[in-house]
Amino acid sequence: MTLRTDAIDAIGRTPLLRLRPAGDAAVYAKLELANPYGMKDRVAKQAILAARADGTLRDGGLIVESSSGTLAMGVALVGGYLGHRVHIVTDPRIDPITAAKLDALGATLDVVPAMTANGWQSARLERLRTVMAENPGAFWPRQYDNPQNPAAYEALAREVESELPRVDVLVGSVGSGGSLCGTARVLRRGNPDLRVVAVDAVGSAIFGQPDVPKRLQSGLGNSLVPANVDFSVIDEVHWLSDREAFAGTLELAAREKVFAGNSSGSAYLVARWLSGRLGPDATVVVIFPDRGDRYAHTIYNPEYRAAHGMTDLRPPVGPARIGLADTAVTWCYATLGREREYA
């Protein structure tokens, strides 16, 4: 076991778990949920340390970020440990467990009261800019366009390469774009034929779909198109509905004993499907971003599911193929780059 010298050093070097889908291809899950608070701990560490190194963030300076989930906790962990005040702009969708953790870590929570033109994301960003204007010299990690976001995942890719001789397919959810695109760039250097599969939510605007701000999924999808989504490295995208994402998350817990969030559940379903359509020599790596504790009152709550018409959840068999200009309603996929026919 590797000794971690402090709380920040505890970020990264997460386990790689072989799953047991019914298909022939091997599927390995990168358990980013094993970070202290989740996958975006890596982004917080990378962005804050880089800003301190170049003088953008001064000792004791204020850090302000927009987040309703794991990035907020990563910023509170890294920033707070290094002696910075942390101000998190969030929205009413923040779950009570995350709010309690942030409060315990000493962060200030600033909850916007209502959506604006582009949903919750735009409301949070408008409030964040106000806070920045009121606090000259404050540092904003800017997860959506800061190149330190994808750069943070170079280490993740190296960790995968140290354990697997080859990766044929990389599957990951997309919210800010950093994890999938940053990991893919590094893995593709070792395997130029790597296929990169993005997982998004029905109702997310990232890949040109109509935005549905009231979708139930969190942790993936976006009402905006972040600059850190590098479409040039993505070969195909899958969209899953709330119902399908919840069903996949529950199956992941029941079958693989991984208690995760819906971004992991959706990515799991896509990786499971790919395993049945690739040969026995293929290796699929899927990224699981965060734990399921912040979804205890939603996905894992029968009363919540019943209130949203999800009393009989069964994992879907597989997706339909559509064009990028078509509207996704249930699980479907489209290609962005290299074509690939599945059996």
Protein backbone atom coordinates (compact mmCIF):
# COMPACT_ATOMS: atom_id res chain seq x y z
CA MET A 1 0.00 0.00 0.00
CA THR A 2 1.29 3.46 -0.96
CA LEU A 3 1.61 5.95 1.90
CA ARG A 4 -0.16 9.25 1.13
CA THR A 5 1.68 12.15 2.70
CA ASP A 6 -1.30 14.52 3.05
CA ALA A 7 -4.93 15.04 1.99
CA ILE A 8 -3.94 16.37 -1.43
CA ASP A 9 -1.59 13.47 -2.10
CA ALA A 10 -4.57 11.16 -1.48
CA ILE A 11 -5.98 12.24 -4.85
CA GLY A 12 -5.37 9.86 -7.76
CA ARG A 13 -3.93 6.36 -8.16
CA THR A 14 -7.43 4.93 -8.10
CA PRO A 15 -8.27 1.21 -8.59
CA LEU A 16 -8.95 -0.40 -11.95
CA LEU A 17 -11.70 -3.01 -11.53
CA ARG A 18 -12.52 -5.75 -14.03
CA LEU A 19 -16.28 -5.94 -14.51
CA ARG A 20 -18.29 -8.99 -15.52
CA PRO A 21 -20.56 -8.08 -18.42
CA ALA A 22 -22.06 -10.87 -20.50
CA GLY A 23 -20.08 -9.96 -23.64
CA ASP A 24 -16.72 -11.23 -24.88
CA ALA A 25 -14.66 -8.04 -24.57
CA ALA A 26 -12.93 -7.32 -21.27
CA VAL A 27 -14.30 -4.26 -19.46
CA TYR A 28 -12.33 -2.44 -16.77
CA ALA A 29 -13.78 0.35 -14.63
CA LYS A 30 -11.50 3.15 -13.49
CA LEU A 31 -12.92 3.80 -10.03
CA GLU A 32 -12.52 7.56 -9.83
CA LEU A 33 -15.16 7.43 -7.13
CA ALA A 34 -12.35 6.15 -4.88
CA ASN A 35 -10.79 9.62 -4.75
CA PRO A 36 -11.49 11.44 -1.46
CA TYR A 37 -14.59 13.09 -2.94
CA GLY A 38 -14.70 12.01 -6.58
CA MET A 39 -13.08 12.33 -9.98
CA LYS A 40 -12.97 16.12 -10.03
CA ASP A 41 -10.62 16.15 -7.07
CA ARG A 42 -8.00 15.79 -9.82
CA VAL A 43 -9.18 18.98 -11.53
CA ALA A 44 -9.22 20.96 -8.29
CA LYS A 45 -5.70 19.81 -7.47
CA GLN A 46 -4.32 20.54 -10.94
CA ALA A 47 -5.97 23.95 -11.35
CA ILE A 48 -5.24 25.26 -7.85
CA LEU A 49 -1.61 24.11 -7.74
CA ALA A 50 -0.99 25.58 -11.20
CA ALA A 51 -2.56 28.91 -10.19
CA ARG A 52 -0.46 29.06 -7.03
CA ALA A 53 2.67 28.26 -9.03
CA ASP A 54 2.15 31.02 -11.60
CA GLY A 55 0.98 33.62 -9.09
CA THR A 56 -2.63 33.81 -10.25
CA LEU A 57 -3.70 32.59 -6.81
CA ARG A 58 -1.93 34.19 -3.89
CA ASP A 59 -1.52 32.72 -0.42
CA GLY A 60 -4.80 33.00 1.47
CA GLY A 61 -6.65 34.21 -1.63
CA LEU A 62 -10.32 33.50 -2.32
CA ILE A 63 -11.30 30.67 -4.67
CA VAL A 64 -14.73 30.92 -6.37
CA GLU A 65 -16.27 28.16 -8.46
CA SER A 66 -19.64 27.15 -9.89
CA SER A 67 -20.58 23.57 -9.04
CA SER A 68 -23.42 21.47 -7.65
CA GLY A 69 -21.35 18.35 -7.05
CA THR A 70 -17.92 16.81 -6.90
CA LEU A 71 -15.82 19.73 -8.19
CA ALA A 72 -17.10 21.83 -5.31
CA MET A 73 -15.86 19.25 -2.83
CA GLY A 74 -12.52 18.93 -4.60
CA VAL A 75 -12.02 22.70 -4.47
CA ALA A 76 -13.01 22.75 -0.80
CA LEU A 77 -10.55 19.93 -0.09
CA VAL A 78 -7.53 21.31 -1.96
CA GLY A 79 -8.19 25.00 -1.46
CA GLY A 80 -9.12 24.66 2.18
CA TYR A 81 -6.14 22.42 2.95
CA LEU A 82 -3.83 25.06 1.48
CA GLY A 83 -5.38 27.85 3.55
CA HIS A 84 -7.69 29.44 0.98
CA ARG A 85 -11.24 30.63 1.52
CA VAL A 86 -13.61 28.77 -0.81
CA HIS A 87 -16.88 30.21 -2.18
CA ILE A 88 -19.09 27.78 -4.09
CA VAL A 89 -21.93 29.07 -6.28
CA THR A 90 -24.52 26.34 -6.66
CA ASP A 91 -28.25 25.84 -7.25
CA PRO A 92 -31.19 24.21 -5.47
CA ARG A 93 -30.40 20.81 -7.03
CA ILE A 94 -27.45 20.37 -4.67
CA ASP A 95 -28.10 17.34 -2.51
CA PRO A 96 -28.09 17.52 1.29
CA ILE A 97 -25.08 15.21 1.64
CA THR A 98 -22.90 17.36 -0.61
CA ALA A 99 -24.10 20.52 1.13
CA ALA A 100 -23.25 19.00 4.51
CA LYS A 101 -19.78 17.98 3.35
CA LEU A 102 -19.05 21.44 1.97
CA ASP A 103 -20.19 23.06 5.18
CA ALA A 104 -18.00 20.70 7.21
CA LEU A 105 -15.03 21.50 4.97
CA GLY A 106 -15.50 25.21 5.62
CA ALA A 107 -16.74 26.33 2.20
CA THR A 108 -19.27 29.15 1.73
CA LEU A 109 -22.36 27.98 -0.16
CA ASP A 110 -24.09 30.54 -2.40
CA VAL A 111 -27.34 29.09 -3.81
CA VAL A 112 -28.90 30.88 -6.80
CA PRO A 113 -32.71 31.09 -6.45
CA ALA A 114 -33.87 30.57 -10.04
CA MET A 115 -32.82 29.63 -13.56
CA THR A 116 -31.91 32.28 -16.11
CA ALA A 117 -31.85 32.17 -19.91
CA ASN A 118 -29.76 28.99 -20.24
CA GLY A 119 -30.95 27.16 -17.16
CA TRP A 120 -29.11 26.62 -13.90
CA GLN A 121 -25.67 26.80 -15.47
CA SER A 122 -26.15 30.35 -16.71
CA ALA A 123 -27.73 31.42 -13.41
CA ARG A 124 -24.72 30.14 -11.49
CA LEU A 125 -22.21 31.72 -13.86
CA GLU A 126 -23.95 35.09 -13.67
CA ARG A 127 -23.81 34.99 -9.87
CA LEU A 128 -20.17 33.83 -9.95
CA ARG A 129 -19.16 36.82 -12.05
CA THR A 130 -20.82 39.11 -9.52
CA VAL A 131 -18.86 37.50 -6.69
CA MET A 132 -15.63 37.82 -8.67
CA ALA A 133 -16.30 41.52 -9.31
CA GLU A 134 -16.87 42.04 -5.59
CA ASN A 135 -13.59 40.29 -4.71
CA PRO A 136 -10.70 41.57 -6.84
CA GLY A 137 -7.88 39.04 -7.00
CA ALA A 138 -10.15 36.04 -6.43
CA PHE A 139 -9.32 32.92 -8.41
CA TRP A 140 -11.89 31.07 -10.55
CA PRO A 141 -10.74 27.57 -11.62
CA ARG A 142 -13.07 27.76 -14.67
CA GLN A 143 -13.68 24.06 -15.11
CA TYR A 144 -15.44 24.52 -18.45
CA ASP A 145 -12.60 26.22 -20.33
CA ASN A 146 -9.45 25.97 -18.20
CA PRO A 147 -6.94 23.70 -20.00
CA GLN A 148 -5.80 22.49 -16.58
CA ASN A 149 -9.07 20.50 -16.44
CA PRO A 150 -8.19 18.03 -19.23
CA ALA A 151 -4.52 18.21 -18.23
CA ALA A 152 -5.50 16.80 -14.83
CA TYR A 153 -6.44 13.52 -16.47
CA GLU A 154 -3.06 12.84 -18.03
CA ALA A 155 -2.23 11.15 -14.72
CA LEU A 156 -5.39 9.01 -14.96
CA ALA A 157 -4.38 7.83 -18.41
CA ARG A 158 -0.86 7.00 -17.21
CA GLU A 159 -2.32 4.98 -14.36
CA VAL A 160 -4.40 2.96 -16.84
CA GLU A 161 -1.39 2.42 -19.13
CA SER A 162 0.64 1.14 -16.19
CA GLU A 163 -1.90 -1.65 -15.59
CA LEU A 164 -3.16 -2.56 -19.07
CA PRO A 165 -1.03 -3.32 -22.15
CA ARG A 166 -3.62 -1.86 -24.51
CA VAL A 167 -6.93 -0.01 -24.47
CA ASP A 168 -9.18 -0.34 -27.52
CA VAL A 169 -12.22 1.64 -26.37
CA LEU A 170 -12.53 4.42 -23.78
CA VAL A 171 -16.01 5.18 -22.43
CA GLY A 172 -16.78 8.19 -20.27
CA SER A 173 -19.52 10.63 -19.38
CA VAL A 174 -19.28 14.24 -20.53
CA GLY A 175 -20.14 17.31 -18.46
CA SER A 176 -17.25 19.75 -18.65
CA GLY A 177 -15.42 17.54 -21.16
CA GLY A 178 -12.15 17.37 -19.26
CA SER A 179 -12.05 13.77 -18.08
CA LEU A 180 -12.93 12.01 -21.33
CA CYS A 181 -11.00 14.29 -23.66
CA GLY A 182 -7.94 14.64 -21.43
CA THR A 183 -7.69 10.88 -20.89
CA ALA A 184 -8.33 10.12 -24.56
CA ARG A 185 -5.54 12.37 -25.84
CA VAL A 186 -2.95 10.51 -23.81
CA LEU A 187 -4.24 6.99 -24.48
CA ARG A 188 -4.45 7.69 -28.21
CA ARG A 189 -0.73 8.38 -28.31
CA GLY A 190 -0.20 4.76 -27.34
CA ASN A 191 -2.99 3.45 -29.58
CA PRO A 192 -3.91 5.69 -32.53
CA ASP A 193 -6.88 3.37 -33.21
CA LEU A 194 -8.42 3.99 -29.78
CA ARG A 195 -12.18 4.48 -30.07
CA VAL A 196 -13.54 7.20 -27.78
CA VAL A 197 -17.17 6.93 -26.74
CA ALA A 198 -18.90 9.82 -24.96
CA VAL A 199 -21.93 9.31 -22.73
CA ASP A 200 -24.43 12.15 -22.39
CA ALA A 201 -27.95 12.69 -21.07
CA VAL A 202 -31.09 13.08 -23.14
CA GLY A 203 -31.87 16.78 -22.86
CA SER A 204 -28.23 17.93 -22.73
CA ALA A 205 -27.06 20.55 -25.22
CA ILE A 206 -23.42 19.45 -25.51
CA PHE A 207 -23.76 17.54 -28.78
CA GLY A 208 -26.38 19.78 -30.38
CA GLN A 209 -29.48 18.35 -28.73
CA PRO A 210 -32.36 20.52 -27.44
CA ASP A 211 -31.65 21.58 -23.87
CA VAL A 212 -34.03 20.28 -21.19
CA PRO A 213 -32.88 21.98 -17.96
CA LYS A 214 -35.29 19.97 -15.77
CA ARG A 215 -33.73 16.60 -16.59
CA LEU A 216 -33.21 14.48 -13.47
CA GLN A 217 -29.68 13.30 -14.22
CA SER A 218 -26.76 15.16 -12.69
CA GLY A 219 -23.01 14.78 -12.99
CA LEU A 220 -23.12 14.69 -16.79
CA GLY A 221 -24.74 16.75 -19.51
CA ASN A 222 -24.81 20.52 -19.75
CA SER A 223 -27.05 23.40 -20.80
CA LEU A 224 -23.98 25.02 -22.40
CA VAL A 225 -21.24 23.69 -24.67
CA PRO A 226 -18.00 23.83 -22.63
CA ALA A 227 -14.79 24.77 -24.41
CA ASN A 228 -13.08 21.74 -22.85
CA VAL A 229 -15.21 19.36 -24.91
CA ASP A 230 -12.79 18.47 -27.71
CA PHE A 231 -15.06 17.01 -30.38
CA SER A 232 -12.03 16.08 -32.51
CA VAL A 233 -11.08 13.23 -30.15
CA ILE A 234 -14.61 11.78 -29.78
CA ASP A 235 -15.79 9.09 -32.19
CA GLU A 236 -19.35 8.52 -31.02
CA VAL A 237 -21.84 9.74 -28.42
CA HIS A 238 -24.58 7.88 -26.55
CA TRP A 239 -27.55 9.63 -24.97
CA LEU A 240 -29.55 7.96 -22.21
CA SER A 241 -32.83 9.09 -20.67
CA ASP A 242 -33.35 9.62 -16.95
CA ARG A 243 -35.16 6.31 -16.70
CA GLU A 244 -32.38 4.40 -18.45
CA ALA A 245 -29.64 6.11 -16.43
CA PHE A 246 -31.38 5.27 -13.16
CA ALA A 247 -31.90 1.65 -14.25
CA GLY A 248 -28.24 1.31 -15.20
CA THR A 249 -27.10 2.80 -11.90
CA LEU A 250 -29.22 0.36 -9.91
CA GLU A 251 -27.95 -2.59 -11.97
CA LEU A 252 -24.36 -1.48 -11.45
CA ALA A 253 -24.92 -1.63 -7.69
CA ALA A 254 -26.81 -4.92 -7.77
CA ARG A 255 -24.56 -6.80 -10.23
CA GLU A 256 -21.10 -5.32 -9.75
CA LYS A 257 -21.55 -4.06 -6.15
CA VAL A 258 -20.40 -0.57 -7.15
CA PHE A 259 -22.49 2.10 -5.41
CA ALA A 260 -22.16 4.99 -7.83
CA GLY A 261 -23.93 7.98 -9.35
CA ASN A 262 -25.95 8.07 -12.55
CA SER A 263 -23.03 9.20 -14.73
CA SER A 264 -21.32 5.92 -13.80
CA GLY A 265 -24.57 4.00 -14.34
CA SER A 266 -25.00 5.37 -17.85
CA ALA A 267 -21.36 4.76 -18.77
CA TYR A 268 -21.68 1.23 -17.36
CA LEU A 269 -24.63 0.45 -19.65
CA VAL A 270 -22.70 1.66 -22.71
CA ALA A 271 -19.58 -0.33 -21.77
CA ARG A 272 -21.70 -3.42 -21.10
CA TRP A 273 -23.33 -3.09 -24.52
CA LEU A 274 -19.98 -2.62 -26.25
CA SER A 275 -18.62 -5.74 -24.55
CA GLY A 276 -21.25 -7.79 -26.35
CA ARG A 277 -20.34 -6.33 -29.74
CA LEU A 278 -16.57 -6.46 -29.65
CA GLY A 279 -14.39 -9.55 -29.86
CA PRO A 280 -12.59 -11.33 -27.00
CA ASP A 281 -9.32 -9.57 -27.82
CA ALA A 282 -10.78 -6.11 -27.22
CA THR A 283 -10.30 -4.12 -24.00
CA VAL A 284 -12.77 -1.46 -22.88
CA VAL A 285 -12.03 1.04 -20.11
CA VAL A 286 -14.95 2.94 -18.58
CA ILE A 287 -14.60 5.83 -16.12
CA PHE A 288 -16.80 5.85 -13.00
CA PRO A 289 -16.71 9.45 -11.66
CA ASP A 290 -18.44 9.56 -8.27
CA ARG A 291 -19.99 7.59 -5.44
CA GLY A 292 -23.70 7.07 -4.91
CA ASP A 293 -24.03 8.69 -1.50
CA ARG A 294 -25.21 12.01 -2.94
CA TYR A 295 -27.96 10.13 -4.79
CA ALA A 296 -29.31 8.31 -1.74
CA HIS A 297 -32.45 10.46 -1.69
CA THR A 298 -33.06 10.23 -5.47
CA ILE A 299 -31.84 7.29 -7.53
CA TYR A 300 -31.64 4.94 -4.55
CA ASN A 301 -34.90 6.13 -2.97
CA PRO A 302 -37.98 4.07 -4.04
CA GLU A 303 -40.34 6.89 -3.05
CA TYR A 304 -38.48 9.38 -5.23
CA ARG A 305 -38.48 6.97 -8.16
CA ALA A 306 -42.21 6.30 -7.72
CA ALA A 307 -42.94 10.03 -7.65
CA HIS A 308 -41.23 10.32 -11.05
CA GLY A 309 -42.93 7.30 -12.62
CA MET A 310 -39.99 4.92 -12.26
CA THR A 311 -41.56 2.05 -10.36
CA ASP A 312 -40.59 -0.67 -12.83
CA LEU A 313 -37.02 0.01 -13.88
CA ARG A 314 -35.41 -2.52 -16.19
CA PRO A 315 -32.03 -1.97 -17.82
CA PRO A 316 -32.46 -1.34 -21.56
CA VAL A 317 -31.14 -3.88 -24.02
CA GLY A 318 -29.25 -1.46 -26.21
CA PRO A 319 -29.35 1.75 -28.26
CA ALA A 320 -30.74 2.71 -31.64
CA ARG A 321 -28.53 4.55 -34.08
CA ILE A 322 -29.52 8.07 -35.13
CA GLY A 323 -27.98 10.99 -36.99
CA LEU A 324 -26.40 13.88 -35.13
CA ALA A 325 -29.21 16.14 -36.31
CA ASP A 326 -31.90 13.83 -34.90
CA THR A 327 -33.36 14.33 -31.43
CA ALA A 328 -32.59 11.69 -28.81
CA VAL A 329 -35.50 10.56 -26.67
CA THR A 330 -34.35 7.19 -25.38
CA TRP A 331 -30.95 5.46 -25.49
CA CYS A 332 -29.41 6.03 -28.90
CA TYR A 333 -26.04 6.87 -30.39
CA ALA A 334 -24.49 8.76 -33.27
CA THR A 335 -21.00 8.86 -34.75
CA LEU A 336 -18.87 12.00 -34.90
CA GLY A 337 -15.72 10.70 -36.51
CA ARG A 338 -14.62 7.29 -37.62
CA GLU A 339 -17.48 4.97 -38.49
CA ARG A 340 -17.80 1.68 -36.64
CA GLU A 341 -20.31 -1.06 -37.38
CA TYR A 342 -21.36 -3.19 -34.40
CA ALA A 343 -22.59 -6.76 -34.69
